Every structure is written in structure tokens, then in C-alpha cells.
């Protein structure tokens, strides 16, 4: 019985260490990436990039492709129909 408990303890410790170095480290890595992505300076950069892309799109004659325009048109009509509370 004593040998069994020692073997089980060793296996448990090995599985715990394996879990710690794989799953927990991956979670910490993604958490750090997310926190770096959501910093205020990064959000300001994203806003500036978005504004620049909008300005660039405003200079074009057509912004959307025909299929995209049809899909957005149907979507907006449905939203307006739901918002019309007459």
C-alpha cells in the first residue's frame, strides 16, 4: 500500500507540474497579450488608424462592393423597421 501511495503521489506531482508549465503558462501568455492590447496608447493608435482609413475611404468614389452594399442595406432596413415604433 505504501508503494502505491508513493507512485500515486509521484504521478500526481508530475501531472501537476505538466499542467502548470503548459496550460497555466498559455493562459498567462494570452492574458499578457490582451492587457498589452488594451492599453490606452494602443487604443489611441487604433483610433488614429481607423480615422486614417475612413479618410482614405472617403476619397474613393465607391466604398463598398455591390454585394456588401446589398447586405448592409437589408440589415439597415430591418433595424429601421424594428426601431419604428409608430
Protein backbone atom coordinates (compact mmCIF):
# COMPACT_ATOMS: atom_id res chain seq x y z
CA UNK A 1 0.00 0.00 0.00
CA UNK A 2 2.88 2.31 0.81
CA UNK A 3 4.42 1.77 -2.65
CA UNK A 4 1.06 2.54 -4.25
CA UNK A 5 0.75 5.86 -2.39
CA UNK A 6 4.28 6.85 -3.35
CA UNK A 7 3.63 6.02 -7.02
CA UNK A 8 0.33 7.91 -6.99
CA UNK A 9 2.00 10.89 -5.33
CA UNK A 10 4.79 10.96 -7.90
CA UNK A 11 2.31 10.71 -10.77
CA UNK A 12 0.15 13.45 -9.24
CA UNK A 13 3.15 15.76 -8.83
CA UNK A 14 4.26 15.06 -12.41
CA UNK A 15 0.79 15.80 -13.80
CA UNK A 16 0.56 18.97 -11.70
CA UNK A 17 3.93 20.22 -12.98
CA UNK A 18 2.99 19.35 -16.56
CA UNK A 19 -0.31 21.23 -16.19
CA UNK A 20 1.46 24.22 -14.64
CA UNK A 21 4.02 24.55 -17.40
CA UNK A 22 1.59 24.04 -20.28
CA UNK A 23 -1.93 25.25 -19.62
CA UNK A 24 -1.24 27.89 -16.98
CA UNK A 25 1.67 29.38 -18.93
CA UNK A 26 -0.52 29.61 -22.06
CA UNK A 27 -3.24 31.35 -20.09
CA UNK A 28 -0.75 33.81 -18.63
CA UNK A 29 0.70 34.46 -22.09
CA UNK A 30 -2.70 35.29 -23.58
CA UNK A 31 -3.61 37.40 -20.56
CA UNK A 32 -0.45 39.47 -21.05
CA UNK A 33 -1.17 39.89 -24.76
CA UNK A 34 -4.71 41.05 -24.00
CA UNK A 35 -3.61 43.52 -21.36
CA UNK A 36 -0.95 44.91 -23.73
CA UNK A 37 -3.54 45.23 -26.49
CA UNK A 38 -5.95 47.15 -24.26
CA UNK A 39 -3.50 49.80 -23.08
CA UNK A 40 -4.56 53.40 -23.65
CA UNK A 41 -1.68 54.15 -26.03
CA UNK A 42 -2.58 51.15 -28.16
CA UNK A 43 -6.25 52.18 -28.21
CA UNK A 44 -5.20 55.66 -29.36
CA UNK A 45 -3.14 54.12 -32.17
CA UNK A 46 -6.12 52.02 -33.26
CA UNK A 47 -8.35 55.14 -33.26
CA UNK A 48 -5.85 57.05 -35.41
CA UNK A 49 -5.54 54.15 -37.83
CA UNK A 50 -9.33 53.90 -38.07
CA UNK A 51 -9.68 57.62 -38.77
CA UNK A 52 -6.98 57.46 -41.44
CA UNK A 53 -8.74 54.53 -43.11
CA UNK A 54 -12.06 56.39 -43.05
CA UNK A 55 -10.43 59.45 -44.63
CA UNK A 56 -8.88 57.24 -47.30
CA UNK A 57 -12.24 55.57 -47.97
CA UNK A 58 -13.97 58.98 -48.27
CA UNK A 59 -11.73 59.88 -51.20
CA UNK A 60 -12.91 56.85 -53.18
CA UNK A 61 -15.97 57.05 -55.39
CA UNK A 62 -17.33 53.69 -54.19
CA UNK A 63 -16.58 52.48 -50.71
CA UNK A 64 -18.45 49.18 -50.75
CA UNK A 65 -18.70 46.34 -53.19
CA UNK A 66 -22.15 45.72 -54.65
CA UNK A 67 -22.78 42.56 -52.61
CA UNK A 68 -21.65 44.26 -49.39
CA UNK A 69 -23.89 47.25 -50.08
CA UNK A 70 -26.91 44.98 -50.61
CA UNK A 71 -26.27 43.06 -47.39
CA UNK A 72 -25.81 46.25 -45.37
CA UNK A 73 -28.90 47.79 -46.99
CA UNK A 74 -31.10 44.87 -45.98
CA UNK A 75 -29.63 44.92 -42.49
CA UNK A 76 -30.20 48.64 -42.03
CA UNK A 77 -33.78 48.40 -43.34
CA UNK A 78 -34.52 45.69 -40.79
CA UNK A 79 -33.04 47.76 -37.98
CA UNK A 80 -35.04 50.83 -39.04
CA UNK A 81 -38.20 48.74 -39.22
CA UNK A 82 -37.65 47.48 -35.68
CA UNK A 83 -36.91 50.98 -34.39
CA UNK A 84 -40.03 52.46 -35.96
CA UNK A 85 -42.46 52.39 -33.01
CA UNK A 86 -45.45 54.09 -34.69
